[in-house]
C-alpha atoms as a PDB file:
ATOM      1  CA  UNK A   1     -82.131 222.061-118.582  1.00  0.00           C
ATOM      2  CA  UNK A   2     -78.616 221.278-117.190  1.00  0.00           C
ATOM      3  CA  UNK A   3     -75.707 221.273-119.526  1.00  0.00           C
ATOM      4  CA  UNK A   4     -74.919 217.593-118.220  1.00  0.00           C
ATOM      5  CA  UNK A   5     -77.213 214.696-119.075  1.00  0.00           C
ATOM      6  CA  UNK A   6     -77.121 210.859-118.022  1.00  0.00           C
ATOM      7  CA  UNK A   7     -77.988 208.519-120.467  1.00  0.00           C
ATOM      8  CA  UNK A   8     -79.098 205.146-119.157  1.00  0.00           C
ATOM      9  CA  UNK A   9     -78.606 202.666-121.831  1.00  0.00           C
ATOM     10  CA  UNK A  10     -80.236 199.271-121.723  1.00  0.00           C
ATOM     11  CA  UNK A  11     -80.889 196.529-124.176  1.00  0.00           C
ATOM     12  CA  UNK A  12     -84.604 197.302-123.589  1.00  0.00           C
ATOM     13  CA  UNK A  13     -87.538 195.018-123.656  1.00  0.00           C
ATOM     14  CA  UNK A  14     -91.036 194.783-125.224  1.00  0.00           C
ATOM     15  CA  UNK A  15     -92.756 194.635-121.780  1.00  0.00           C
ATOM     16  CA  UNK A  16     -93.952 197.985-120.463  1.00  0.00           C
ATOM     17  CA  UNK A  17     -94.502 196.055-116.838  1.00  0.00           C
ATOM     18  CA  UNK A  18     -91.201 194.454-116.751  1.00  0.00           C
ATOM     19  CA  UNK A  19     -89.529 197.847-117.958  1.00  0.00           C
ATOM     20  CA  UNK A  20     -91.175 199.608-115.509  1.00  0.00           C
ATOM     21  CA  UNK A  21     -90.188 197.199-112.537  1.00  0.00           C
ATOM     22  CA  UNK A  22     -86.437 197.015-113.421  1.00  0.00           C
ATOM     23  CA  UNK A  23     -85.070 199.521-116.005  1.00  0.00           C
ATOM     24  CA  UNK A  24     -87.605 202.189-114.972  1.00  0.00           C
ATOM     25  CA  UNK A  25     -86.649 201.419-111.252  1.00  0.00           C
ATOM     26  CA  UNK A  26     -82.884 201.683-112.154  1.00  0.00           C
ATOM     27  CA  UNK A  27     -83.220 204.742-113.758  1.00  0.00           C
ATOM     28  CA  UNK A  28     -85.227 206.309-111.203  1.00  0.00           C
ATOM     29  CA  UNK A  29     -82.870 205.431-108.766  1.00  0.00           C
ATOM     30  CA  UNK A  30     -80.133 207.418-110.965  1.00  0.00           C
ATOM     31  CA  UNK A  31     -82.409 210.333-111.162  1.00  0.00           C
ATOM     32  CA  UNK A  32     -83.055 210.532-107.388  1.00  0.00           C
ATOM     33  CA  UNK A  33     -79.187 210.279-106.584  1.00  0.00           C
ATOM     34  CA  UNK A  34     -78.671 213.154-109.308  1.00  0.00           C
ATOM     35  CA  UNK A  35     -81.545 215.511-109.396  1.00  0.00           C
ATOM     36  CA  UNK A  36     -79.392 218.343-110.776  1.00  0.00           C
ATOM     37  CA  UNK A  37     -78.916 216.300-113.991  1.00  0.00           C
ATOM     38  CA  UNK A  38     -81.640 214.939-116.673  1.00  0.00           C
ATOM     39  CA  UNK A  39     -81.754 211.683-116.859  1.00  0.00           C
ATOM     40  CA  UNK A  40     -82.390 209.936-120.430  1.00  0.00           C
ATOM     41  CA  UNK A  41     -83.451 206.521-121.579  1.00  0.00           C
ATOM     42  CA  UNK A  42     -81.312 204.671-124.177  1.00  0.00           C
ATOM     43  CA  UNK A  43     -82.080 201.488-125.665  1.00  0.00           C
ATOM     44  CA  UNK A  44     -79.543 199.606-127.526  1.00  0.00           C
ATOM     45  CA  UNK A  45     -81.335 196.516-128.748  1.00  0.00           C
ATOM     46  CA  UNK A  46     -82.352 197.301-132.415  1.00  0.00           C
ATOM     47  CA  UNK A  47     -84.497 194.394-132.637  1.00  0.00           C
ATOM     48  CA  UNK A  48     -86.390 195.301-129.351  1.00  0.00           C
ATOM     49  CA  UNK A  49     -86.567 199.057-130.384  1.00  0.00           C
ATOM     50  CA  UNK A  50     -87.875 198.265-133.722  1.00  0.00           C
ATOM     51  CA  UNK A  51     -90.469 196.069-132.486  1.00  0.00           C
ATOM     52  CA  UNK A  52     -91.846 198.601-130.073  1.00  0.00           C
ATOM     53  CA  UNK A  53     -91.956 201.130-132.801  1.00  0.00           C
ATOM     54  CA  UNK A  54     -93.601 198.760-135.147  1.00  0.00           C
ATOM     55  CA  UNK A  55     -96.161 196.953-132.477  1.00  0.00           C
ATOM     56  CA  UNK A  56     -96.778 200.077-130.436  1.00  0.00           C
ATOM     57  CA  UNK A  57     -95.933 203.280-132.030  1.00  0.00           C
ATOM     58  CA  UNK A  58     -93.763 203.660-129.332  1.00  0.00           C
ATOM     59  CA  UNK A  59     -90.152 205.498-129.929  1.00  0.00           C
ATOM     60  CA  UNK A  60     -87.313 205.009-127.795  1.00  0.00           C
ATOM     61  CA  UNK A  61     -84.030 206.395-128.603  1.00  0.00           C
ATOM     62  CA  UNK A  62     -80.904 204.567-129.727  1.00  0.00           C
ATOM     63  CA  UNK A  63     -77.860 205.877-128.154  1.00  0.00           C
ATOM     64  CA  UNK A  64     -76.862 207.226-131.801  1.00  0.00           C
ATOM     65  CA  UNK A  65     -80.008 209.063-131.588  1.00  0.00           C
ATOM     66  CA  UNK A  66     -79.840 210.199-128.007  1.00  0.00           C
ATOM     67  CA  UNK A  67     -76.153 211.484-128.834  1.00  0.00           C
ATOM     68  CA  UNK A  68     -77.486 213.594-131.936  1.00  0.00           C
ATOM     69  CA  UNK A  69     -80.273 215.329-129.976  1.00  0.00           C
ATOM     70  CA  UNK A  70     -77.737 216.108-127.268  1.00  0.00           C
ATOM     71  CA  UNK A  71     -75.287 217.790-129.725  1.00  0.00           C
ATOM     72  CA  UNK A  72     -78.237 219.873-130.574  1.00  0.00           C
ATOM     73  CA  UNK A  73     -79.236 221.231-127.518  1.00  0.00           C
ATOM     74  CA  UNK A  74     -75.950 222.165-126.682  1.00  0.00           C
ATOM     75  CA  UNK A  75     -75.365 219.825-123.778  1.00  0.00           C
ATOM     76  CA  UNK A  76     -71.532 219.761-123.000  1.00  0.00           C
ATOM     77  CA  UNK A  77     -71.513 216.899-120.185  1.00  0.00           C
ATOM     78  CA  UNK A  78     -72.466 213.529-121.084  1.00  0.00           C
ATOM     79  CA  UNK A  79     -72.161 210.206-119.304  1.00  0.00           C
ATOM     80  CA  UNK A  80     -73.595 207.004-120.297  1.00  0.00           C
ATOM     81  CA  UNK A  81     -74.311 204.628-117.855  1.00  0.00           C
ATOM     82  CA  UNK A  82     -75.277 201.128-119.127  1.00  0.00           C
ATOM     83  CA  UNK A  83     -77.395 198.703-117.184  1.00  0.00           C
ATOM     84  CA  UNK A  84     -75.270 195.664-118.713  1.00  0.00           C
ATOM     85  CA  UNK A  85     -74.247 193.106-116.352  1.00  0.00           C
ATOM     86  CA  UNK A  86     -70.677 192.487-117.687  1.00  0.00           C
ATOM     87  CA  UNK A  87     -68.124 193.722-119.914  1.00  0.00           C
ATOM     88  CA  UNK A  88     -69.669 192.147-123.051  1.00  0.00           C
ATOM     89  CA  UNK A  89     -69.681 192.717-126.862  1.00  0.00           C
ATOM     90  CA  UNK A  90     -72.432 195.284-126.088  1.00  0.00           C
ATOM     91  CA  UNK A  91     -70.274 197.211-123.330  1.00  0.00           C
ATOM     92  CA  UNK A  92     -67.304 197.157-125.894  1.00  0.00           C
ATOM     93  CA  UNK A  93     -69.715 198.239-128.730  1.00  0.00           C
ATOM     94  CA  UNK A  94     -70.976 201.352-126.503  1.00  0.00           C
ATOM     95  CA  UNK A  95     -67.366 202.661-125.164  1.00  0.00           C
ATOM     96  CA  UNK A  96     -66.256 202.652-129.016  1.00  0.00           C
ATOM     97  CA  UNK A  97     -69.223 204.802-129.938  1.00  0.00           C
ATOM     98  CA  UNK A  98     -68.531 207.144-127.155  1.00  0.00           C
ATOM     99  CA  UNK A  99     -64.897 207.348-127.748  1.00  0.00           C
ATOM    100  CA  UNK A 100     -65.947 208.001-131.271  1.00  0.00           C
ATOM    101  CA  UNK A 101     -68.047 211.126-130.518  1.00  0.00           C
ATOM    102  CA  UNK A 102     -66.066 212.383-127.332  1.00  0.00           C
ATOM    103  CA  UNK A 103     -64.981 215.267-129.677  1.00  0.00           C
ATOM    104  CA  UNK A 104     -68.550 216.671-129.980  1.00  0.00           C
ATOM    105  CA  UNK A 105     -68.712 217.449-126.151  1.00  0.00           C
ATOM    106  CA  UNK A 106     -66.682 218.998-123.790  1.00  0.00           C
ATOM    107  CA  UNK A 107     -66.732 216.136-121.205  1.00  0.00           C
ATOM    108  CA  UNK A 108     -67.801 212.373-121.365  1.00  0.00           C
ATOM    109  CA  UNK A 109     -67.577 209.347-119.959  1.00  0.00           C
ATOM    110  CA  UNK A 110     -69.208 205.503-119.584  1.00  0.00           C
ATOM    111  CA  UNK A 111     -69.750 204.071-116.244  1.00  0.00           C
ATOM    112  CA  UNK A 112     -68.842 200.453-115.630  1.00  0.00           C
ATOM    113  CA  UNK A 113     -71.412 197.416-116.138  1.00  0.00           C
ATOM    114  CA  UNK A 114     -72.891 196.041-112.803  1.00  0.00           C
ATOM    115  CA  UNK A 115     -70.177 193.250-112.353  1.00  0.00           C
ATOM    116  CA  UNK A 116     -66.878 194.683-112.992  1.00  0.00           C
ATOM    117  CA  UNK A 117     -64.523 193.978-110.154  1.00  0.00           C
ATOM    118  CA  UNK A 118     -64.250 191.911-106.881  1.00  0.00           C
ATOM    119  CA  UNK A 119     -66.034 194.602-104.993  1.00  0.00           C
ATOM    120  CA  UNK A 120     -69.230 194.360-107.408  1.00  0.00           C
ATOM    121  CA  UNK A 121     -69.392 190.412-107.196  1.00  0.00           C
ATOM    122  CA  UNK A 122     -69.371 191.032-103.303  1.00  0.00           C
ATOM    123  CA  UNK A 123     -72.182 193.766-103.684  1.00  0.00           C
ATOM    124  CA  UNK A 124     -74.326 191.636-106.095  1.00  0.00           C
ATOM    125  CA  UNK A 125     -74.216 188.730-103.807  1.00  0.00           C
ATOM    126  CA  UNK A 126     -75.001 190.700-100.637  1.00  0.00           C
ATOM    127  CA  UNK A 127     -77.846 192.230-102.674  1.00  0.00           C
ATOM    128  CA  UNK A 128     -79.153 188.806-103.954  1.00  0.00           C
ATOM    129  CA  UNK A 129     -79.134 186.408-101.167  1.00  0.00           C
ATOM    130  CA  UNK A 130     -81.731 188.319 -99.029  1.00  0.00           C
ATOM    131  CA  UNK A 131     -83.977 188.258-101.749  1.00  0.00           C
ATOM    132  CA  UNK A 132     -83.755 185.004-103.047  1.00  0.00           C
ATOM    133  CA  UNK A 133     -83.935 183.480 -98.819  1.00  0.00           C
ATOM    134  CA  UNK A 134     -87.101 185.737 -98.641  1.00  0.00           C
ATOM    135  CA  UNK A 135     -88.648 184.473-101.547  1.00  0.00           C
ATOM    136  CA  UNK A 136     -87.699 180.807-101.107  1.00  0.00           C
ATOM    137  CA  UNK A 137     -87.340 180.288 -97.586  1.00  0.00           C
ATOM    138  CA  UNK A 138     -83.923 179.660 -95.751  1.00  0.00           C
ATOM    139  CA  UNK A 139     -84.948 176.697 -94.183  1.00  0.00           C
ATOM    140  CA  UNK A 140     -85.909 174.803 -96.969  1.00  0.00           C
ATOM    141  CA  UNK A 141     -82.595 174.495 -98.352  1.00  0.00           C
ATOM    142  CA  UNK A 142     -83.200 174.032-102.327  1.00  0.00           C
ATOM    143  CA  UNK A 143     -80.574 174.097-104.593  1.00  0.00           C
ATOM    144  CA  UNK A 144     -80.724 177.440-106.557  1.00  0.00           C
ATOM    145  CA  UNK A 145     -79.424 177.746-109.904  1.00  0.00           C
ATOM    146  CA  UNK A 146     -78.600 181.214-111.343  1.00  0.00           C
ATOM    147  CA  UNK A 147     -78.994 181.621-114.800  1.00  0.00           C
ATOM    148  CA  UNK A 148     -77.337 184.193-116.491  1.00  0.00           C
ATOM    149  CA  UNK A 149     -77.463 185.234-120.144  1.00  0.00           C
ATOM    150  CA  UNK A 150     -74.033 184.841-120.820  1.00  0.00           C
ATOM    151  CA  UNK A 151     -71.517 186.710-123.509  1.00  0.00           C
ATOM    152  CA  UNK A 152     -69.587 185.787-126.845  1.00  0.00           C
ATOM    153  CA  UNK A 153     -66.494 187.566-125.631  1.00  0.00           C
ATOM    154  CA  UNK A 154     -65.762 185.328-122.565  1.00  0.00           C
ATOM    155  CA  UNK A 155     -66.563 188.361-120.008  1.00  0.00           C
ATOM    156  CA  UNK A 156     -69.277 185.859-118.337  1.00  0.00           C
ATOM    157  CA  UNK A 157     -65.835 183.888-116.797  1.00  0.00           C
ATOM    158  CA  UNK A 158     -66.857 185.917-113.854  1.00  0.00           C
ATOM    159  CA  UNK A 159     -69.684 183.722-113.148  1.00  0.00           C
ATOM    160  CA  UNK A 160     -67.278 181.193-112.120  1.00  0.00           C
ATOM    161  CA  UNK A 161     -66.037 183.755-109.610  1.00  0.00           C
ATOM    162  CA  UNK A 162     -69.414 184.402-108.273  1.00  0.00           C
ATOM    163  CA  UNK A 163     -69.919 180.525-107.745  1.00  0.00           C
ATOM    164  CA  UNK A 164     -66.353 180.394-106.159  1.00  0.00           C
ATOM    165  CA  UNK A 165     -67.581 183.206-103.627  1.00  0.00           C
ATOM    166  CA  UNK A 166     -70.883 181.838-103.117  1.00  0.00           C
ATOM    167  CA  UNK A 167     -69.230 178.567-101.595  1.00  0.00           C
ATOM    168  CA  UNK A 168     -66.555 179.949-100.061  1.00  0.00           C
ATOM    169  CA  UNK A 169     -69.075 181.967 -98.004  1.00  0.00           C
ATOM    170  CA  UNK A 170     -71.052 178.698 -97.210  1.00  0.00           C
ATOM    171  CA  UNK A 171     -73.823 178.675 -99.915  1.00  0.00           C
ATOM    172  CA  UNK A 172     -72.938 175.432-101.626  1.00  0.00           C
ATOM    173  CA  UNK A 173     -76.133 174.748-102.565  1.00  0.00           C
ATOM    174  CA  UNK A 174     -75.856 177.484-105.019  1.00  0.00           C
ATOM    175  CA  UNK A 175     -74.407 177.344-108.639  1.00  0.00           C
ATOM    176  CA  UNK A 176     -74.132 180.065-111.167  1.00  0.00           C
ATOM    177  CA  UNK A 177     -74.607 179.170-115.050  1.00  0.00           C
ATOM    178  CA  UNK A 178     -75.061 180.583-118.469  1.00  0.00           C
ATOM    179  CA  UNK A 179     -77.610 179.991-120.956  1.00  0.00           C
ATOM    180  CA  UNK A 180     -74.998 180.333-123.556  1.00  0.00           C
ATOM    181  CA  UNK A 181     -73.295 176.964-122.193  1.00  0.00           C
ATOM    182  CA  UNK A 182     -75.140 174.424-124.457  1.00  0.00           C
ATOM    183  CA  UNK A 183     -74.321 171.825-121.866  1.00  0.00           C
ATOM    184  CA  UNK A 184     -75.148 173.631-118.744  1.00  0.00           C
ATOM    185  CA  UNK A 185     -78.895 172.060-119.085  1.00  0.00           C
ATOM    186  CA  UNK A 186     -77.788 168.884-119.324  1.00  0.00           C
ATOM    187  CA  UNK A 187     -75.208 168.778-116.344  1.00  0.00           C
ATOM    188  CA  UNK A 188     -77.696 170.286-114.109  1.00  0.00           C
ATOM    189  CA  UNK A 189     -80.080 167.711-114.999  1.00  0.00           C
ATOM    190  CA  UNK A 190     -77.863 165.008-114.530  1.00  0.00           C
ATOM    191  CA  UNK A 191     -75.758 165.850-111.603  1.00  0.00           C
ATOM    192  CA  UNK A 192     -76.963 167.996-109.629  1.00  0.00           C
ATOM    193  CA  UNK A 193     -78.201 170.534-108.729  1.00  0.00           C
ATOM    194  CA  UNK A 194     -76.185 168.456-106.033  1.00  0.00           C
ATOM    195  CA  UNK A 195     -77.518 165.034-104.822  1.00  0.00           C
ATOM    196  CA  UNK A 196     -76.714 165.927-101.344  1.00  0.00           C
ATOM    197  CA  UNK A 197     -78.972 168.695-101.393  1.00  0.00           C
ATOM    198  CA  UNK A 198     -83.315 168.016-101.383  1.00  0.00           C
ATOM    199  CA  UNK A 199     -84.748 167.593-104.727  1.00  0.00           C
ATOM    200  CA  UNK A 200     -86.053 171.086-104.769  1.00  0.00           C
ATOM    201  CA  UNK A 201     -84.527 173.495-107.261  1.00  0.00           C
ATOM    202  CA  UNK A 202     -84.831 177.619-107.633  1.00  0.00           C
ATOM    203  CA  UNK A 203     -84.133 178.741-110.686  1.00  0.00           C
ATOM    204  CA  UNK A 204     -83.003 182.499-110.534  1.00  0.00           C
ATOM    205  CA  UNK A 205     -82.780 184.733-113.541  1.00  0.00           C
ATOM    206  CA  UNK A 206     -79.590 186.359-113.410  1.00  0.00           C
ATOM    207  CA  UNK A 207     -80.575 188.845-115.610  1.00  0.00           C
ATOM    208  CA  UNK A 208     -81.795 192.634-115.333  1.00  0.00           C
ATOM    209  CA  UNK A 209     -85.267 191.972-116.668  1.00  0.00           C
ATOM    210  CA  UNK A 210     -87.188 189.205-116.278  1.00  0.00           C
ATOM    211  CA  UNK A 211     -88.072 189.045-120.289  1.00  0.00           C
ATOM    212  CA  UNK A 212     -88.147 186.938-123.143  1.00  0.00           C
ATOM    213  CA  UNK A 213     -85.069 184.403-121.868  1.00  0.00           C
ATOM    214  CA  UNK A 214     -86.766 184.216-118.175  1.00  0.00           C
ATOM    215  CA  UNK A 215     -90.158 183.194-119.386  1.00  0.00           C
ATOM    216  CA  UNK A 216     -89.003 180.835-122.425  1.00  0.00           C
ATOM    217  CA  UNK A 217     -85.885 179.213-121.750  1.00  0.00           C
ATOM    218  CA  UNK A 218     -85.590 179.396-117.944  1.00  0.00           C
ATOM    219  CA  UNK A 219     -89.212 178.833-116.496  1.00  0.00           C
ATOM    220  CA  UNK A 220     -90.915 177.837-119.980  1.00  0.00           C
ATOM    221  CA  UNK A 221     -93.017 174.888-120.322  1.00  0.00           C
ATOM    222  CA  UNK A 222     -91.265 173.447-123.636  1.00  0.00           C
ATOM    223  CA  UNK A 223     -89.577 170.518-123.651  1.00  0.00           C
ATOM    224  CA  UNK A 224     -85.890 172.041-123.475  1.00  0.00           C
ATOM    225  CA  UNK A 225     -86.237 174.822-121.096  1.00  0.00           C
ATOM    226  CA  UNK A 226     -84.514 174.708-117.852  1.00  0.00           C
ATOM    227  CA  UNK A 227     -87.592 173.961-115.761  1.00  0.00           C
ATOM    228  CA  UNK A 228     -88.870 170.996-118.214  1.00  0.00           C
ATOM    229  CA  UNK A 229     -85.442 169.309-117.880  1.00  0.00           C
ATOM    230  CA  UNK A 230     -84.892 169.539-114.239  1.00  0.00           C
ATOM    231  CA  UNK A 231     -88.600 168.086-113.541  1.00  0.00           C
ATOM    232  CA  UNK A 232     -87.846 165.496-116.173  1.00  0.00           C
ATOM    233  CA  UNK A 233     -85.229 164.668-114.149  1.00  0.00           C
ATOM    234  CA  UNK A 234     -87.169 164.447-111.012  1.00  0.00           C
ATOM    235  CA  UNK A 235     -86.692 167.639-109.303  1.00  0.00           C
ATOM    236  CA  UNK A 236     -89.395 169.950-107.680  1.00  0.00           C
ATOM    237  CA  UNK A 237     -88.848 173.246-109.629  1.00  0.00           C
ATOM    238  CA  UNK A 238     -89.709 177.029-108.970  1.00  0.00           C
ATOM    239  CA  UNK A 239     -88.812 180.060-110.990  1.00  0.00           C
ATOM    240  CA  UNK A 240     -88.314 183.336-108.855  1.00  0.00           C
ATOM    241  CA  UNK A 241     -89.976 186.005-110.951  1.00  0.00           C
ATOM    242  CA  UNK A 242     -88.571 189.334-111.393  1.00  0.00           C
ATOM    243  CA  UNK A 243     -84.936 190.712-112.920  1.00  0.00           C
ATOM    244  CA  UNK A 244     -82.329 192.246-110.953  1.00  0.00           C
ATOM    245  CA  UNK A 245     -83.156 195.861-111.649  1.00  0.00           C
ATOM    246  CA  UNK A 246     -86.182 195.346-109.519  1.00  0.00           C
ATOM    247  CA  UNK A 247     -83.774 194.747-106.053  1.00  0.00           C
ATOM    248  CA  UNK A 248     -82.999 198.347-104.172  1.00  0.00           C
ATOM    249  CA  UNK A 249     -79.772 197.469-103.556  1.00  0.00           C
ATOM    250  CA  UNK A 250     -78.922 196.448-106.997  1.00  0.00           C
ATOM    251  CA  UNK A 251     -79.939 199.729-108.220  1.00  0.00           C
ATOM    252  CA  UNK A 252     -77.787 201.185-105.387  1.00  0.00           C
ATOM    253  CA  UNK A 253     -74.794 199.578-106.816  1.00  0.00           C
ATOM    254  CA  UNK A 254     -75.504 201.101-110.280  1.00  0.00           C
ATOM    255  CA  UNK A 255     -76.038 204.593-108.866  1.00  0.00           C
ATOM    256  CA  UNK A 256     -72.453 204.170-107.399  1.00  0.00           C
ATOM    257  CA  UNK A 257     -71.101 203.303-110.761  1.00  0.00           C
ATOM    258  CA  UNK A 258     -72.461 206.532-111.966  1.00  0.00           C
ATOM    259  CA  UNK A 259     -71.322 208.461-108.945  1.00  0.00           C
ATOM    260  CA  UNK A 260     -67.619 206.967-109.868  1.00  0.00           C
ATOM    261  CA  UNK A 261     -67.887 207.765-113.516  1.00  0.00           C
ATOM    262  CA  UNK A 262     -68.362 211.566-112.514  1.00  0.00           C
ATOM    263  CA  UNK A 263     -65.948 212.025-110.005  1.00  0.00           C
ATOM    264  CA  UNK A 264     -63.280 209.144-110.577  1.00  0.00           C
ATOM    265  CA  UNK A 265     -63.419 208.591-114.346  1.00  0.00           C
ATOM    266  CA  UNK A 266     -64.661 211.085-116.652  1.00  0.00           C
ATOM    267  CA  UNK A 267     -62.121 209.807-119.013  1.00  0.00           C
ATOM    268  CA  UNK A 268     -63.172 210.112-122.791  1.00  0.00           C
END
């Protein structure tokens, strides 16, 4: 066993299939890029880990459990790469946990979330646009709504930068919104999805895993889902399947963040 371990920390999901296609794909990409180190899975979502344990008898280590195990095994270097998209509350909590335990290991570090600076935004847009165009068709020119989960601490203000960069690059039929914006659905249904574009709307879950929120809040059949509200407003709506973690170019961004943490920011 290597004396350095990479913990890939995700909120988690209760779906085996979605987990394998998204979280698992990111983990495999990191393991392939760093074969000299052991890569371990961590789920930080307490509700998810409890559900997996009670429903399926499946144990997935929490961050605290993974840290205790690493300490028992005499691991000297520990790098935690979260699959979070933003520097939200979960990321802050993870960093705080790692700072508290830093003295238990010779070297510790935390990688950046997917979207942390302008270069990340550019890389994510570059990775996502071809996938959307391949699925939706570049000649159809539908309105495209990227729907992110959002955060409580304001980290999702980066969504505005994504919107600005998309529009400045000529993708004016794209918009970026947050599930946590209580008025976003009403605005989308009323305005726009922008009348100058055709009456077709593509909803794209801007989430690592296409899980509960994508299935229910975005693409669900209940009256208050994005899909239902837009259809009620007269739009023809399609929902792109899959999460960001399934896209190889997105996986590559996480790999680069691990590399940066190893070689530039082994800081805790």
